[in-house]
Amino acid sequence: MWFDVNEIVPGKSFEIKGISYIGKPKSNTAMFLTKKAEYLIGSLAEVDDCLVFIEATIDIPYDLAGRHAFKKSYRPQLEYAKFASLFAAERLKEEQEIPVYLTSQGYYCSSDAVIGENAYIEPGCYIGPDVAVGKNAYIMAGTVIRHATIGDDFISNEYAIIGANGFTMAEDENGSKYRIPTLGRVVIGNYVEVGAHDNISCGSGGDTVIDDFVKLDALVHLGHDVHLHKNVEIAAGGIIGGFDELGENSYVGINAVLRNRIKIGNNSIVGMGATVTKSVEDNVVVAGNPASFLRKAVEK
């Protein structure tokens, strides 16, 4: 699907072919930018021909104004949601045309899914559209996977959801809520384990990324566009907000909660039950509500 941007921003003439995230934009895609994330506007210098639904109070740099189409609005998220819904409807239509079959092993699989050598999938699973699973995977009963690329030696425990809709909303002038479509994917590396009843959201416009050797305990929630770097470990009940980034070898304790749009540094530890409201530096331990510095961590 493509869209002529001239229909929204007269005088501009290029095609919009998809959706992306303002922090990691792609050329010829649409996105939104609110005042609280204004600092991300500089990322548009690396791409061309984007449609940006932008909050009316943000000043647009001259050099970017010539490269992109900006639609100013006091409700850019709502305007973007309406536009993105066109792509969401097209994707859903395409998915409905892809046959799904019941395998002899007792799980349902989309006909476009790619399953690697020696993968074992238990009965009661659903492998949906736009999915590739690497070799030696062990996917236990009840797992649901959509819009994901998964590496080798993957383990999914019972009833994990990989590729769920993100929880991102827009409001109209009356305060009524509208869902912003989730159009990204999940990208998982090698030797990753996902716990029972985990929920991993797709990226909203970009991807949710889980690097090699990440281990998730049961009942973990990952919001949209999260990035877990190599060897991250999250204990049972951990809640990771959208756009969060967890550095290599970081650890999140039982029932800890991380606010959206924060970063946990390399080798850092979030204590059990902590509520983290701001970014954490490398090699430290934080704990409490709100979480605060406890001590230096032992570097790995």
C-alpha atoms as a PDB file:
ATOM      1  CA  MET A   1       0.000   0.000   0.000  1.00  0.00           C
ATOM      2  CA  TRP A   2       1.162   3.554  -0.646  1.00  0.00           C
ATOM      3  CA  PHE A   3      -0.322   7.007  -0.085  1.00  0.00           C
ATOM      4  CA  ASP A   4       0.265  10.316  -1.900  1.00  0.00           C
ATOM      5  CA  VAL A   5       1.316  12.813   0.758  1.00  0.00           C
ATOM      6  CA  ASN A   6      -0.071  15.688  -1.335  1.00  0.00           C
ATOM      7  CA  GLU A   7      -3.560  14.732  -0.139  1.00  0.00           C
ATOM      8  CA  ILE A   8      -2.568  15.742   3.411  1.00  0.00           C
ATOM      9  CA  VAL A   9       0.125  18.369   2.862  1.00  0.00           C
ATOM     10  CA  PRO A  10      -0.549  20.217  -0.424  1.00  0.00           C
ATOM     11  CA  GLY A  11       2.595  21.136  -2.313  1.00  0.00           C
ATOM     12  CA  LYS A  12       4.489  18.017  -1.281  1.00  0.00           C
ATOM     13  CA  SER A  13       4.700  15.163  -3.741  1.00  0.00           C
ATOM     14  CA  PHE A  14       6.067  11.814  -2.615  1.00  0.00           C
ATOM     15  CA  GLU A  15       4.735   8.444  -1.550  1.00  0.00           C
ATOM     16  CA  ILE A  16       4.206   7.182   1.997  1.00  0.00           C
ATOM     17  CA  LYS A  17       4.668   3.406   2.053  1.00  0.00           C
ATOM     18  CA  GLY A  18       4.421   2.602   5.757  1.00  0.00           C
ATOM     19  CA  ILE A  19       4.770   3.656   9.372  1.00  0.00           C
ATOM     20  CA  SER A  20       7.823   4.203  11.585  1.00  0.00           C
ATOM     21  CA  TYR A  21       8.872   5.695  14.933  1.00  0.00           C
ATOM     22  CA  ILE A  22      10.212   9.258  15.145  1.00  0.00           C
ATOM     23  CA  GLY A  23      13.190   8.028  17.201  1.00  0.00           C
ATOM     24  CA  LYS A  24      14.199   5.592  14.448  1.00  0.00           C
ATOM     25  CA  PRO A  25      12.527   6.961  11.324  1.00  0.00           C
ATOM     26  CA  LYS A  26      12.578   5.366   7.889  1.00  0.00           C
ATOM     27  CA  SER A  27      12.262   7.196   4.586  1.00  0.00           C
ATOM     28  CA  ASN A  28       8.796   7.380   2.984  1.00  0.00           C
ATOM     29  CA  THR A  29       6.956   6.582   6.227  1.00  0.00           C
ATOM     30  CA  ALA A  30       4.537   8.418   8.510  1.00  0.00           C
ATOM     31  CA  MET A  31       4.958   9.130  12.241  1.00  0.00           C
ATOM     32  CA  PHE A  32       3.921  11.608  14.914  1.00  0.00           C
ATOM     33  CA  LEU A  33       5.830  13.962  17.207  1.00  0.00           C
ATOM     34  CA  THR A  34       4.492  15.495  20.427  1.00  0.00           C
ATOM     35  CA  LYS A  35       5.989  18.314  22.458  1.00  0.00           C
ATOM     36  CA  LYS A  36       7.343  15.986  25.158  1.00  0.00           C
ATOM     37  CA  ALA A  37       9.423  14.130  22.547  1.00  0.00           C
ATOM     38  CA  GLU A  38      10.462  17.261  20.613  1.00  0.00           C
ATOM     39  CA  TYR A  39      14.132  16.403  21.125  1.00  0.00           C
ATOM     40  CA  LEU A  40      13.724  13.522  18.630  1.00  0.00           C
ATOM     41  CA  ILE A  41      13.079  15.821  15.666  1.00  0.00           C
ATOM     42  CA  GLY A  42      16.781  15.797  14.771  1.00  0.00           C
ATOM     43  CA  SER A  43      16.555  12.130  13.800  1.00  0.00           C
ATOM     44  CA  LEU A  44      14.711  13.216  10.647  1.00  0.00           C
ATOM     45  CA  ALA A  45      18.000  14.547   9.273  1.00  0.00           C
ATOM     46  CA  GLU A  46      19.013  10.953   8.467  1.00  0.00           C
ATOM     47  CA  VAL A  47      16.013  10.162   6.218  1.00  0.00           C
ATOM     48  CA  ASP A  48      13.918  11.692   3.432  1.00  0.00           C
ATOM     49  CA  ASP A  49      10.290  12.099   2.397  1.00  0.00           C
ATOM     50  CA  CYS A  50       8.506  11.443   5.699  1.00  0.00           C
ATOM     51  CA  LEU A  51       5.036  12.587   6.736  1.00  0.00           C
ATOM     52  CA  VAL A  52       5.150  13.917  10.288  1.00  0.00           C
ATOM     53  CA  PHE A  53       2.026  14.740  12.272  1.00  0.00           C
ATOM     54  CA  ILE A  54       3.612  17.295  14.568  1.00  0.00           C
ATOM     55  CA  GLU A  55       2.351  19.243  17.572  1.00  0.00           C
ATOM     56  CA  ALA A  56       1.546  22.795  16.515  1.00  0.00           C
ATOM     57  CA  THR A  57       3.799  24.415  19.127  1.00  0.00           C
ATOM     58  CA  ILE A  58       6.998  22.773  17.821  1.00  0.00           C
ATOM     59  CA  ASP A  59       9.303  24.846  15.620  1.00  0.00           C
ATOM     60  CA  ILE A  60      10.357  22.990  12.477  1.00  0.00           C
ATOM     61  CA  PRO A  61      14.020  23.480  11.467  1.00  0.00           C
ATOM     62  CA  TYR A  62      14.386  25.010   8.007  1.00  0.00           C
ATOM     63  CA  ASP A  63      16.508  22.184   6.616  1.00  0.00           C
ATOM     64  CA  LEU A  64      13.957  19.555   7.680  1.00  0.00           C
ATOM     65  CA  ALA A  65      10.980  21.504   6.340  1.00  0.00           C
ATOM     66  CA  GLY A  66      12.309  21.040   2.825  1.00  0.00           C
ATOM     67  CA  ARG A  67      12.971  17.308   3.195  1.00  0.00           C
ATOM     68  CA  HIS A  68       9.690  16.209   4.754  1.00  0.00           C
ATOM     69  CA  ALA A  69       5.969  16.974   4.926  1.00  0.00           C
ATOM     70  CA  PHE A  70       4.793  18.301   8.290  1.00  0.00           C
ATOM     71  CA  LYS A  71       1.124  18.367   9.262  1.00  0.00           C
ATOM     72  CA  LYS A  72       0.738  20.642  12.286  1.00  0.00           C
ATOM     73  CA  SER A  73      -1.961  19.733  14.782  1.00  0.00           C
ATOM     74  CA  TYR A  74      -2.889  20.234  18.412  1.00  0.00           C
ATOM     75  CA  ARG A  75      -3.678  16.496  18.491  1.00  0.00           C
ATOM     76  CA  PRO A  76      -0.960  14.896  16.362  1.00  0.00           C
ATOM     77  CA  GLN A  77      -1.454  11.453  17.900  1.00  0.00           C
ATOM     78  CA  LEU A  78      -5.117  11.456  16.887  1.00  0.00           C
ATOM     79  CA  GLU A  79      -4.338  12.630  13.349  1.00  0.00           C
ATOM     80  CA  TYR A  80      -1.662   9.957  13.065  1.00  0.00           C
ATOM     81  CA  ALA A  81      -4.024   7.272  14.444  1.00  0.00           C
ATOM     82  CA  LYS A  82      -6.571   8.063  11.748  1.00  0.00           C
ATOM     83  CA  PHE A  83      -3.915   7.883   9.037  1.00  0.00           C
ATOM     84  CA  ALA A  84      -2.267   4.717  10.383  1.00  0.00           C
ATOM     85  CA  SER A  85      -5.653   3.000  10.518  1.00  0.00           C
ATOM     86  CA  LEU A  86      -5.601   2.923   6.693  1.00  0.00           C
ATOM     87  CA  PHE A  87      -2.434   0.809   6.772  1.00  0.00           C
ATOM     88  CA  ALA A  88      -3.815  -1.311   9.625  1.00  0.00           C
ATOM     89  CA  ALA A  89      -6.966  -2.099   7.653  1.00  0.00           C
ATOM     90  CA  GLU A  90      -4.909  -3.084   4.600  1.00  0.00           C
ATOM     91  CA  ARG A  91      -2.642  -5.344   6.650  1.00  0.00           C
ATOM     92  CA  LEU A  92      -5.615  -7.045   8.274  1.00  0.00           C
ATOM     93  CA  LYS A  93      -7.200  -7.638   4.879  1.00  0.00           C
ATOM     94  CA  GLU A  94      -3.994  -9.232   3.597  1.00  0.00           C
ATOM     95  CA  GLU A  95      -3.698 -11.437   6.708  1.00  0.00           C
ATOM     96  CA  GLN A  96      -7.246 -12.682   6.337  1.00  0.00           C
ATOM     97  CA  GLU A  97      -6.380 -13.960   2.877  1.00  0.00           C
ATOM     98  CA  ILE A  98      -3.474 -16.102   4.151  1.00  0.00           C
ATOM     99  CA  PRO A  99      -4.597 -19.700   4.822  1.00  0.00           C
ATOM    100  CA  VAL A 100      -4.136 -21.111   8.334  1.00  0.00           C
ATOM    101  CA  TYR A 101      -3.922 -24.878   8.749  1.00  0.00           C
ATOM    102  CA  LEU A 102      -4.030 -27.315  11.644  1.00  0.00           C
ATOM    103  CA  THR A 103      -0.805 -29.315  11.668  1.00  0.00           C
ATOM    104  CA  SER A 104      -0.514 -33.007  12.440  1.00  0.00           C
ATOM    105  CA  GLN A 105       1.209 -31.978  15.691  1.00  0.00           C
ATOM    106  CA  GLY A 106      -1.938 -30.177  16.843  1.00  0.00           C
ATOM    107  CA  TYR A 107      -1.017 -26.499  16.485  1.00  0.00           C
ATOM    108  CA  TYR A 108      -2.333 -23.894  14.049  1.00  0.00           C
ATOM    109  CA  CYS A 109       0.122 -22.330  11.605  1.00  0.00           C
ATOM    110  CA  SER A 110      -0.182 -19.585   9.009  1.00  0.00           C
ATOM    111  CA  SER A 111       0.847 -20.811   5.577  1.00  0.00           C
ATOM    112  CA  ASP A 112       3.415 -18.003   5.210  1.00  0.00           C
ATOM    113  CA  ALA A 113       5.204 -18.854   8.477  1.00  0.00           C
ATOM    114  CA  VAL A 114       8.759 -20.215   8.296  1.00  0.00           C
ATOM    115  CA  ILE A 115       9.663 -22.839  10.910  1.00  0.00           C
ATOM    116  CA  GLY A 116      13.327 -23.793  11.347  1.00  0.00           C
ATOM    117  CA  GLU A 117      14.901 -27.234  11.436  1.00  0.00           C
ATOM    118  CA  ASN A 118      14.311 -29.344  14.577  1.00  0.00           C
ATOM    119  CA  ALA A 119      11.790 -26.879  16.000  1.00  0.00           C
ATOM    120  CA  TYR A 120       9.272 -28.552  18.313  1.00  0.00           C
ATOM    121  CA  ILE A 121       5.883 -26.896  18.759  1.00  0.00           C
ATOM    122  CA  GLU A 122       3.386 -28.358  21.197  1.00  0.00           C
ATOM    123  CA  PRO A 123      -0.357 -28.739  20.542  1.00  0.00           C
ATOM    124  CA  GLY A 124      -2.535 -25.702  21.154  1.00  0.00           C
ATOM    125  CA  CYS A 125      -0.094 -23.099  19.821  1.00  0.00           C
ATOM    126  CA  TYR A 126      -0.880 -20.519  17.139  1.00  0.00           C
ATOM    127  CA  ILE A 127       1.846 -19.400  14.741  1.00  0.00           C
ATOM    128  CA  GLY A 128       0.365 -16.475  12.877  1.00  0.00           C
ATOM    129  CA  PRO A 129       1.241 -14.429   9.795  1.00  0.00           C
ATOM    130  CA  ASP A 130       4.597 -12.767   9.177  1.00  0.00           C
ATOM    131  CA  VAL A 131       6.488 -15.151  11.495  1.00  0.00           C
ATOM    132  CA  ALA A 132       9.887 -16.835  11.127  1.00  0.00           C
ATOM    133  CA  VAL A 133      11.209 -19.181  13.826  1.00  0.00           C
ATOM    134  CA  GLY A 134      14.817 -20.403  13.863  1.00  0.00           C
ATOM    135  CA  LYS A 135      16.141 -23.912  14.357  1.00  0.00           C
ATOM    136  CA  ASN A 136      15.923 -25.922  17.599  1.00  0.00           C
ATOM    137  CA  ALA A 137      13.037 -23.893  19.003  1.00  0.00           C
ATOM    138  CA  TYR A 138      10.904 -25.367  21.787  1.00  0.00           C
ATOM    139  CA  ILE A 139       7.500 -23.680  21.874  1.00  0.00           C
ATOM    140  CA  MET A 140       5.193 -24.927  24.609  1.00  0.00           C
ATOM    141  CA  ALA A 141       1.407 -25.305  24.615  1.00  0.00           C
ATOM    142  CA  GLY A 142      -0.741 -22.196  24.317  1.00  0.00           C
ATOM    143  CA  THR A 143       1.911 -19.898  22.884  1.00  0.00           C
ATOM    144  CA  VAL A 144       0.702 -17.314  20.346  1.00  0.00           C
ATOM    145  CA  ILE A 145       3.170 -15.678  17.942  1.00  0.00           C
ATOM    146  CA  ARG A 146       2.420 -12.930  15.402  1.00  0.00           C
ATOM    147  CA  HIS A 147       4.611 -10.582  13.343  1.00  0.00           C
ATOM    148  CA  ALA A 148       7.909 -11.845  14.725  1.00  0.00           C
ATOM    149  CA  THR A 149      11.340 -12.968  13.618  1.00  0.00           C
ATOM    150  CA  ILE A 150      12.868 -15.363  16.167  1.00  0.00           C
ATOM    151  CA  GLY A 151      16.416 -16.730  16.207  1.00  0.00           C
ATOM    152  CA  ASP A 152      17.805 -20.178  16.982  1.00  0.00           C
ATOM    153  CA  ASP A 153      17.461 -22.181  20.211  1.00  0.00           C
ATOM    154  CA  PHE A 154      14.413 -20.247  21.372  1.00  0.00           C
ATOM    155  CA  ILE A 155      12.260 -21.398  24.288  1.00  0.00           C
ATOM    156  CA  SER A 156       8.713 -20.193  24.911  1.00  0.00           C
ATOM    157  CA  ASN A 157       6.984 -21.452  28.032  1.00  0.00           C
ATOM    158  CA  GLU A 158       3.234 -22.042  28.232  1.00  0.00           C
ATOM    159  CA  TYR A 159       0.751 -19.376  27.088  1.00  0.00           C
ATOM    160  CA  ALA A 160       3.256 -16.683  26.174  1.00  0.00           C
ATOM    161  CA  ILE A 161       1.986 -14.018  23.766  1.00  0.00           C
ATOM    162  CA  ILE A 162       4.591 -12.712  21.328  1.00  0.00           C
ATOM    163  CA  GLY A 163       3.433  -9.920  19.026  1.00  0.00           C
ATOM    164  CA  ALA A 164       0.517  -8.466  21.006  1.00  0.00           C
ATOM    165  CA  ASN A 165      -0.947  -5.054  20.244  1.00  0.00           C
ATOM    166  CA  GLY A 166       0.792  -2.178  22.000  1.00  0.00           C
ATOM    167  CA  PHE A 167      -1.209  -0.012  24.403  1.00  0.00           C
ATOM    168  CA  THR A 168      -0.988   3.430  22.793  1.00  0.00           C
ATOM    169  CA  MET A 169      -3.947   5.787  22.785  1.00  0.00           C
ATOM    170  CA  ALA A 170      -4.949   9.155  21.369  1.00  0.00           C
ATOM    171  CA  GLU A 171      -7.681  11.511  22.585  1.00  0.00           C
ATOM    172  CA  ASP A 172     -10.144  13.704  20.722  1.00  0.00           C
ATOM    173  CA  GLU A 173     -11.367  17.104  21.911  1.00  0.00           C
ATOM    174  CA  ASN A 174     -13.936  15.410  24.172  1.00  0.00           C
ATOM    175  CA  GLY A 175     -11.378  13.199  25.875  1.00  0.00           C
ATOM    176  CA  SER A 176     -12.601  10.053  24.128  1.00  0.00           C
ATOM    177  CA  LYS A 177      -9.925   7.405  23.644  1.00  0.00           C
ATOM    178  CA  TYR A 178      -8.865   5.993  20.273  1.00  0.00           C
ATOM    179  CA  ARG A 179      -6.343   3.189  19.837  1.00  0.00           C
ATOM    180  CA  ILE A 180      -3.235   3.979  17.793  1.00  0.00           C
ATOM    181  CA  PRO A 181      -2.702   0.972  15.482  1.00  0.00           C
ATOM    182  CA  THR A 182       0.235  -1.315  16.229  1.00  0.00           C
ATOM    183  CA  LEU A 183       2.075  -1.844  12.943  1.00  0.00           C
ATOM    184  CA  GLY A 184       5.584  -2.878  14.025  1.00  0.00           C
ATOM    185  CA  ARG A 185       7.094  -6.280  14.757  1.00  0.00           C
ATOM    186  CA  VAL A 186       9.045  -8.268  17.357  1.00  0.00           C
ATOM    187  CA  VAL A 187      12.656  -9.251  16.606  1.00  0.00           C
ATOM    188  CA  ILE A 188      14.219 -11.885  18.886  1.00  0.00           C
ATOM    189  CA  GLY A 189      17.816 -13.097  18.796  1.00  0.00           C
ATOM    190  CA  ASN A 190      19.381 -16.480  19.612  1.00  0.00           C
ATOM    191  CA  TYR A 191      19.169 -18.435  22.891  1.00  0.00           C
ATOM    192  CA  VAL A 192      16.278 -16.356  24.231  1.00  0.00           C
ATOM    193  CA  GLU A 193      13.779 -17.759  26.740  1.00  0.00           C
ATOM    194  CA  VAL A 194      10.290 -16.344  27.307  1.00  0.00           C
ATOM    195  CA  GLY A 195       8.380 -17.266  30.464  1.00  0.00           C
ATOM    196  CA  ALA A 196       4.880 -18.636  30.976  1.00  0.00           C
ATOM    197  CA  HIS A 197       2.097 -16.072  30.427  1.00  0.00           C
ATOM    198  CA  ASP A 198       4.516 -13.377  29.268  1.00  0.00           C
ATOM    199  CA  ASN A 199       3.167 -10.612  27.038  1.00  0.00           C
ATOM    200  CA  ILE A 200       5.515  -9.097  24.450  1.00  0.00           C
ATOM    201  CA  SER A 201       4.067  -6.227  22.449  1.00  0.00           C
ATOM    202  CA  CYS A 202       4.945  -5.468  18.854  1.00  0.00           C
ATOM    203  CA  GLY A 203       6.572  -2.158  18.129  1.00  0.00           C
ATOM    204  CA  SER A 204       4.075   0.607  17.552  1.00  0.00           C
ATOM    205  CA  GLY A 205       5.808   1.869  14.423  1.00  0.00           C
ATOM    206  CA  GLY A 206       9.256   0.323  14.740  1.00  0.00           C
ATOM    207  CA  ASP A 207      10.234  -2.993  16.335  1.00  0.00           C
ATOM    208  CA  THR A 208      10.377  -4.473  19.804  1.00  0.00           C
ATOM    209  CA  VAL A 209      13.879  -5.988  19.972  1.00  0.00           C
ATOM    210  CA  ILE A 210      15.186  -8.755  22.241  1.00  0.00           C
ATOM    211  CA  ASP A 211      18.874  -9.513  21.755  1.00  0.00           C
ATOM    212  CA  ASP A 212      20.750 -12.796  22.262  1.00  0.00           C
ATOM    213  CA  PHE A 213      20.671 -14.704  25.565  1.00  0.00           C
ATOM    214  CA  VAL A 214      17.872 -12.646  27.155  1.00  0.00           C
ATOM    215  CA  LYS A 215      15.920 -14.574  29.795  1.00  0.00           C
ATOM    216  CA  LEU A 216      12.383 -13.666  30.915  1.00  0.00           C
ATOM    217  CA  ASP A 217      10.652 -15.284  33.889  1.00  0.00           C
ATOM    218  CA  ALA A 218       6.879 -15.816  34.091  1.00  0.00           C
ATOM    219  CA  LEU A 219       4.282 -13.022  33.950  1.00  0.00           C
ATOM    220  CA  VAL A 220       6.599 -10.430  32.408  1.00  0.00           C
ATOM    221  CA  HIS A 221       5.138  -7.622  30.309  1.00  0.00           C
ATOM    222  CA  LEU A 222       7.167  -5.836  27.623  1.00  0.00           C
ATOM    223  CA  GLY A 223       5.586  -2.701  26.180  1.00  0.00           C
ATOM    224  CA  HIS A 224       5.870  -1.658  22.549  1.00  0.00           C
ATOM    225  CA  ASP A 225       9.245  -0.662  21.066  1.00  0.00           C
ATOM    226  CA  VAL A 226      11.244  -1.975  24.034  1.00  0.00           C
ATOM    227  CA  HIS A 227      14.874  -2.951  23.409  1.00  0.00           C
ATOM    228  CA  LEU A 228      16.473  -5.570  25.649  1.00  0.00           C
ATOM    229  CA  HIS A 229      20.185  -5.869  24.986  1.00  0.00           C
ATOM    230  CA  LYS A 230      22.288  -9.017  25.320  1.00  0.00           C
ATOM    231  CA  ASN A 231      22.006 -11.067  28.548  1.00  0.00           C
ATOM    232  CA  VAL A 232      19.199  -9.035  30.129  1.00  0.00           C
ATOM    233  CA  GLU A 233      17.329 -10.963  32.826  1.00  0.00           C
ATOM    234  CA  ILE A 234      13.847 -10.046  34.065  1.00  0.00           C
ATOM    235  CA  ALA A 235      12.357 -11.871  37.056  1.00  0.00           C
ATOM    236  CA  ALA A 236       8.689 -12.808  37.500  1.00  0.00           C
ATOM    237  CA  GLY A 237       6.147 -10.007  37.323  1.00  0.00           C
ATOM    238  CA  GLY A 238       8.453  -7.411  35.773  1.00  0.00           C
ATOM    239  CA  ILE A 239       6.668  -4.652  33.835  1.00  0.00           C
ATOM    240  CA  ILE A 240       8.680  -2.769  31.224  1.00  0.00           C
ATOM    241  CA  GLY A 241       7.105   0.365  29.743  1.00  0.00           C
ATOM    242  CA  GLY A 242       7.045   1.289  26.087  1.00  0.00           C
ATOM    243  CA  PHE A 243      10.255   2.549  24.424  1.00  0.00           C
ATOM    244  CA  ASP A 244      12.376   1.419  27.396  1.00  0.00           C
ATOM    245  CA  GLU A 245      15.935   0.250  26.765  1.00  0.00           C
ATOM    246  CA  LEU A 246      17.742  -2.200  29.054  1.00  0.00           C
ATOM    247  CA  GLY A 247      21.519  -2.384  28.696  1.00  0.00           C
ATOM    248  CA  GLU A 248      23.650  -5.515  28.494  1.00  0.00           C
ATOM    249  CA  ASN A 249      23.732  -7.759  31.578  1.00  0.00           C
ATOM    250  CA  SER A 250      21.115  -5.677  33.400  1.00  0.00           C
ATOM    251  CA  TYR A 251      18.726  -7.370  35.842  1.00  0.00           C
ATOM    252  CA  VAL A 252      15.169  -6.487  36.855  1.00  0.00           C
ATOM    253  CA  GLY A 253      13.908  -8.020  40.106  1.00  0.00           C
ATOM    254  CA  ILE A 254      10.569  -9.590  40.988  1.00  0.00           C
ATOM    255  CA  ASN A 255       7.540  -7.322  40.434  1.00  0.00           C
ATOM    256  CA  ALA A 256       9.603  -4.272  39.496  1.00  0.00           C
ATOM    257  CA  VAL A 257       7.938  -1.625  37.312  1.00  0.00           C
ATOM    258  CA  LEU A 258       9.705   0.618  34.804  1.00  0.00           C
ATOM    259  CA  ARG A 259       8.087   3.774  33.492  1.00  0.00           C
ATOM    260  CA  ASN A 260       8.035   4.243  29.726  1.00  0.00           C
ATOM    261  CA  ARG A 261      10.853   5.973  27.795  1.00  0.00           C
ATOM    262  CA  ILE A 262      13.679   5.300  30.256  1.00  0.00           C
ATOM    263  CA  LYS A 263      17.016   3.492  29.981  1.00  0.00           C
ATOM    264  CA  ILE A 264      18.621   1.029  32.376  1.00  0.00           C
ATOM    265  CA  GLY A 265      22.418   1.028  32.058  1.00  0.00           C
ATOM    266  CA  ASN A 266      24.745  -1.888  31.402  1.00  0.00           C
ATOM    267  CA  ASN A 267      25.316  -4.253  34.357  1.00  0.00           C
ATOM    268  CA  SER A 268      22.757  -2.418  36.515  1.00  0.00           C
ATOM    269  CA  ILE A 269      20.253  -4.009  38.891  1.00  0.00           C
ATOM    270  CA  VAL A 270      16.670  -2.949  39.603  1.00  0.00           C
ATOM    271  CA  GLY A 271      15.660  -4.301  42.996  1.00  0.00           C
ATOM    272  CA  MET A 272      12.590  -6.394  43.819  1.00  0.00           C
ATOM    273  CA  GLY A 273       9.379  -4.363  43.776  1.00  0.00           C
ATOM    274  CA  ALA A 274      11.089  -1.155  42.656  1.00  0.00           C
ATOM    275  CA  THR A 275       9.230   1.556  40.760  1.00  0.00           C
ATOM    276  CA  VAL A 276      11.662   3.170  38.337  1.00  0.00           C
ATOM    277  CA  THR A 277      10.649   6.622  37.091  1.00  0.00           C
ATOM    278  CA  LYS A 278      13.897   7.847  35.520  1.00  0.00           C
ATOM    279  CA  SER A 279      16.881   6.413  33.676  1.00  0.00           C
ATOM    280  CA  VAL A 280      19.560   4.457  35.539  1.00  0.00           C
ATOM    281  CA  GLU A 281      23.316   4.714  34.920  1.00  0.00           C
ATOM    282  CA  ASP A 282      25.683   1.823  34.227  1.00  0.00           C
ATOM    283  CA  ASN A 283      26.897  -0.421  37.076  1.00  0.00           C
ATOM    284  CA  VAL A 284      24.503   0.660  39.832  1.00  0.00           C
ATOM    285  CA  VAL A 285      21.808  -0.903  42.006  1.00  0.00           C
ATOM    286  CA  VAL A 286      18.516   0.956  42.488  1.00  0.00           C
ATOM    287  CA  ALA A 287      15.622   0.036  44.755  1.00  0.00           C
ATOM    288  CA  GLY A 288      12.483   1.467  46.354  1.00  0.00           C
ATOM    289  CA  ASN A 289       9.459   3.515  45.275  1.00  0.00           C
ATOM    290  CA  PRO A 290      10.427   5.709  43.585  1.00  0.00           C
ATOM    291  CA  ALA A 291      13.671   3.853  42.896  1.00  0.00           C
ATOM    292  CA  SER A 292      16.885   5.527  44.033  1.00  0.00           C
ATOM    293  CA  PHE A 293      20.577   4.724  44.119  1.00  0.00           C
ATOM    294  CA  LEU A 294      21.445   1.984  46.618  1.00  0.00           C
ATOM    295  CA  ARG A 295      25.032   1.080  45.794  1.00  0.00           C
ATOM    296  CA  LYS A 296      27.443   0.396  42.959  1.00  0.00           C
ATOM    297  CA  ALA A 297      26.976  -2.926  41.220  1.00  0.00           C
ATOM    298  CA  VAL A 298      29.782  -5.407  40.706  1.00  0.00           C
ATOM    299  CA  GLU A 299      30.928  -5.038  37.103  1.00  0.00           C
ATOM    300  CA  LYS A 300      30.741  -8.217  35.016  1.00  0.00           C
END
